[in-house]
Protein backbone atom coordinates (compact mmCIF):
# COMPACT_ATOMS: atom_id res chain seq x y z
CA MET A 1 -66.94 16.80 17.52
CA LYS A 2 -69.79 17.93 15.30
CA ILE A 3 -72.37 17.43 18.09
CA PHE A 4 -70.30 19.56 20.46
CA GLU A 5 -70.15 22.39 17.89
CA LEU A 6 -73.91 22.20 17.35
CA PHE A 7 -74.54 22.33 21.11
CA ARG A 8 -72.13 25.25 21.49
CA LYS A 9 -73.88 27.20 18.71
CA ASN A 10 -77.31 26.56 20.20
CA ILE A 11 -76.36 27.45 23.78
CA PHE A 12 -75.03 30.80 22.62
CA ARG A 13 -78.17 31.33 20.60
CA TYR A 14 -80.38 30.71 23.65
CA ILE A 15 -78.24 32.97 25.82
CA PHE A 16 -78.44 35.63 23.10
CA PHE A 17 -82.24 35.35 22.98
CA LEU A 18 -82.48 35.51 26.78
CA ILE A 19 -80.39 38.68 26.87
CA LEU A 20 -82.38 40.12 23.97
CA PHE A 21 -85.64 39.37 25.79
CA LEU A 22 -84.39 41.09 28.95
CA VAL A 23 -83.34 44.16 26.96
CA ILE A 24 -86.73 44.28 25.21
CA LEU A 25 -88.52 43.88 28.54
CA VAL A 26 -86.58 46.79 30.06
CA ILE A 27 -87.29 48.94 27.00
CA GLN A 28 -90.99 47.97 27.06
CA VAL A 29 -91.55 48.55 30.76
CA TYR A 30 -89.27 51.47 31.57
CA TYR A 31 -88.53 53.48 28.45
CA LEU A 32 -91.56 53.14 26.19
CA SER A 33 -93.88 54.17 29.01
CA LYS A 34 -92.17 57.57 28.80
CA ILE A 35 -92.53 57.83 25.00
CA LEU A 36 -96.31 57.75 24.70
CA ILE A 37 -98.06 58.83 21.54
CA PHE A 38 -101.70 59.65 22.22
CA ASN A 39 -101.29 57.86 25.55
CA ALA A 40 -100.30 54.59 23.81
CA LYS A 41 -97.09 52.59 23.55
CA PRO A 42 -96.03 49.80 21.20
CA ASP A 43 -96.11 46.21 22.39
CA LEU A 44 -92.60 44.87 21.79
CA LEU A 45 -93.32 41.66 23.65
CA LEU A 46 -96.18 40.91 21.27
CA ILE A 47 -93.79 41.35 18.35
CA CYS A 48 -91.33 38.96 20.04
CA VAL A 49 -94.00 36.33 20.61
CA PHE A 50 -95.09 36.70 16.99
CA LEU A 51 -91.55 36.28 15.66
CA ILE A 52 -90.80 33.30 17.91
CA SER A 53 -94.08 31.64 16.88
CA VAL A 54 -93.42 32.16 13.18
CA HIS A 55 -89.84 30.88 13.32
CA LYS A 56 -89.97 28.21 16.04
CA GLY A 57 -93.50 26.79 15.98
CA VAL A 58 -96.51 26.40 18.23
CA PHE A 59 -94.79 25.02 21.31
CA PHE A 60 -92.20 27.78 21.57
CA GLY A 61 -94.79 30.38 20.58
CA GLU A 62 -97.19 29.46 23.34
CA ILE A 63 -94.48 28.98 25.97
CA SER A 64 -92.84 32.30 25.12
CA GLY A 65 -96.24 34.00 25.04
CA PHE A 66 -97.15 32.70 28.46
CA THR A 67 -93.74 33.48 29.95
CA PHE A 68 -93.47 36.96 28.43
CA GLY A 69 -97.05 37.76 29.42
CA LEU A 70 -96.55 36.57 32.99
CA ILE A 71 -93.41 38.66 33.36
CA GLU A 72 -95.24 41.63 31.82
CA ASP A 73 -98.05 41.16 34.35
CA ALA A 74 -95.54 41.20 37.18
CA PHE A 75 -94.01 44.48 36.01
CA SER A 76 -97.12 46.27 34.75
CA GLY A 77 -99.41 45.84 37.74
CA CYS A 78 -102.15 44.12 35.73
CA VAL A 79 -104.11 41.25 37.18
CA LEU A 80 -101.63 38.37 37.23
CA GLY A 81 -102.27 36.08 34.28
CA THR A 82 -104.11 38.56 32.07
CA ASN A 83 -101.22 39.26 29.71
CA ALA A 84 -100.01 35.67 30.08
CA PHE A 85 -103.34 34.44 28.71
CA SER A 86 -103.50 36.99 25.90
CA LYS A 87 -99.89 36.48 24.78
CA THR A 88 -100.44 32.70 24.82
CA LEU A 89 -103.39 33.28 22.49
CA VAL A 90 -101.12 35.34 20.25
CA GLY A 91 -98.61 32.49 20.06
CA TYR A 92 -101.36 29.99 19.33
CA PHE A 93 -103.16 32.02 16.66
CA THR A 94 -99.89 32.92 14.94
CA ASN A 95 -99.36 29.23 14.36
CA ILE A 96 -102.94 28.72 13.21
CA PHE A 97 -102.45 31.47 10.62
CA SER A 98 -99.05 30.11 9.59
CA LYS A 99 -100.62 26.74 8.78
CA TYR A 100 -102.86 28.38 6.17
CA PHE A 101 -100.65 31.22 4.93
CA GLN A 102 -96.98 31.59 4.10
CA ILE A 103 -96.00 34.38 6.50
CA LYS A 104 -92.95 35.67 4.67
CA ASP A 105 -93.94 38.98 3.10
CA LEU A 106 -93.79 42.17 5.14
CA PRO A 107 -97.38 43.29 4.37
CA LEU A 108 -98.81 39.94 5.49
CA LYS A 109 -96.71 40.00 8.66
CA LEU A 110 -97.93 43.52 9.43
CA LEU A 111 -101.58 42.58 8.79
CA LEU A 112 -101.24 39.55 11.04
CA LEU A 113 -99.52 41.64 13.73
CA LEU A 114 -102.40 44.12 13.57
CA ILE A 115 -104.97 41.35 14.01
CA LEU A 116 -102.97 39.83 16.86
CA TYR A 117 -102.53 43.21 18.53
CA TYR A 118 -106.31 43.65 18.61
CA LEU A 119 -106.76 40.08 19.89
CA ASN A 120 -104.24 40.78 22.65
CA ALA A 121 -105.62 44.21 23.56
CA PHE A 122 -109.28 43.19 23.57
CA SER A 123 -108.64 40.03 25.60
CA VAL A 124 -106.71 42.02 28.25
CA THR A 125 -109.39 44.74 28.24
CA PHE A 126 -112.33 42.36 28.57
CA ILE A 127 -110.68 40.24 31.26
CA SER A 128 -109.91 43.40 33.25
CA PHE A 129 -113.48 44.63 32.68
CA PHE A 130 -115.07 41.39 33.89
CA LEU A 131 -112.81 41.34 36.94
CA GLY A 132 -113.98 44.85 37.80
CA LYS A 133 -110.55 46.42 37.32
CA LEU A 134 -111.56 48.56 34.35
CA THR A 135 -114.51 50.47 32.97
CA LEU A 136 -114.98 50.51 29.22
CA ASN A 137 -115.06 53.91 27.56
CA ILE A 138 -114.10 55.59 24.30
CA GLU A 139 -110.68 56.57 25.69
CA ILE A 140 -109.68 52.91 26.08
CA MET A 141 -110.73 52.15 22.50
CA LYS A 142 -108.74 55.17 21.28
CA ASN A 143 -105.67 53.94 23.20
CA ILE A 144 -106.03 50.49 21.65
CA PHE A 145 -106.26 51.98 18.15
CA CYS A 146 -103.29 54.31 18.68
CA GLY A 147 -101.29 51.47 20.24
CA SER A 148 -101.94 49.29 17.21
CA ILE A 149 -100.67 51.95 14.82
CA TYR A 150 -97.64 52.61 17.03
CA THR A 151 -96.89 48.88 17.23
CA LEU A 152 -97.14 48.54 13.44
CA ILE A 153 -94.71 51.42 12.89
CA VAL A 154 -92.20 49.90 15.32
CA SER A 155 -92.79 46.47 13.73
CA VAL A 156 -91.76 47.75 10.31
CA PHE A 157 -88.37 48.80 11.67
CA ILE A 158 -87.90 45.58 13.64
CA LEU A 159 -88.85 43.33 10.72
CA ILE A 160 -86.63 45.20 8.28
CA GLY A 161 -83.80 45.08 10.81
CA MET A 162 -84.32 41.34 11.30
CA ASN A 163 -84.19 40.79 7.53
CA LEU A 164 -80.94 42.76 7.28
CA LEU A 165 -79.45 40.86 10.23
CA SER A 166 -80.54 37.55 8.74
CA ASN A 167 -78.94 38.43 5.41
CA VAL A 168 -75.68 39.37 7.14
CA LEU A 169 -75.63 36.15 9.19
CA ASN A 170 -76.46 34.02 6.14
CA ASN A 171 -73.63 35.63 4.17
CA GLU A 172 -71.15 34.82 6.97
CA GLU A 173 -72.03 31.11 6.92
């Protein structure tokens, strides 16, 4: 009986995360492209990969990074595999950092997200540049910088919301 309850809890959790991912993907692709600040938008999928990597480990971090990046490539029109590669790197390096640091405090999470945003953005930019799909200029660097700030601002709200949700769920159990 206990095994059945554990399975039932986990299956609902995975369905919840799948629905949450689809909602975040729709927001990322369709709505945030209309709310640009200095021609930049936050990277919600990067935040998701970061959170999955921190809480579930290297395997889930890399798999979610690759999957989220591949789906992002399909919707964004980038060269297929560019975001998949960069988001996989994000999942991997999150776990490398978590082996050496306790990633629990908000300032450390934000600093790590900033570093990972630049890793993600520069890897996508350089892959696109070497494939001849992009020319490097100051405007691209400005968009990367503005996108990092925008992502950090959104991250603060998401991380605080996750802490509040976690506290509520822990109090119910």
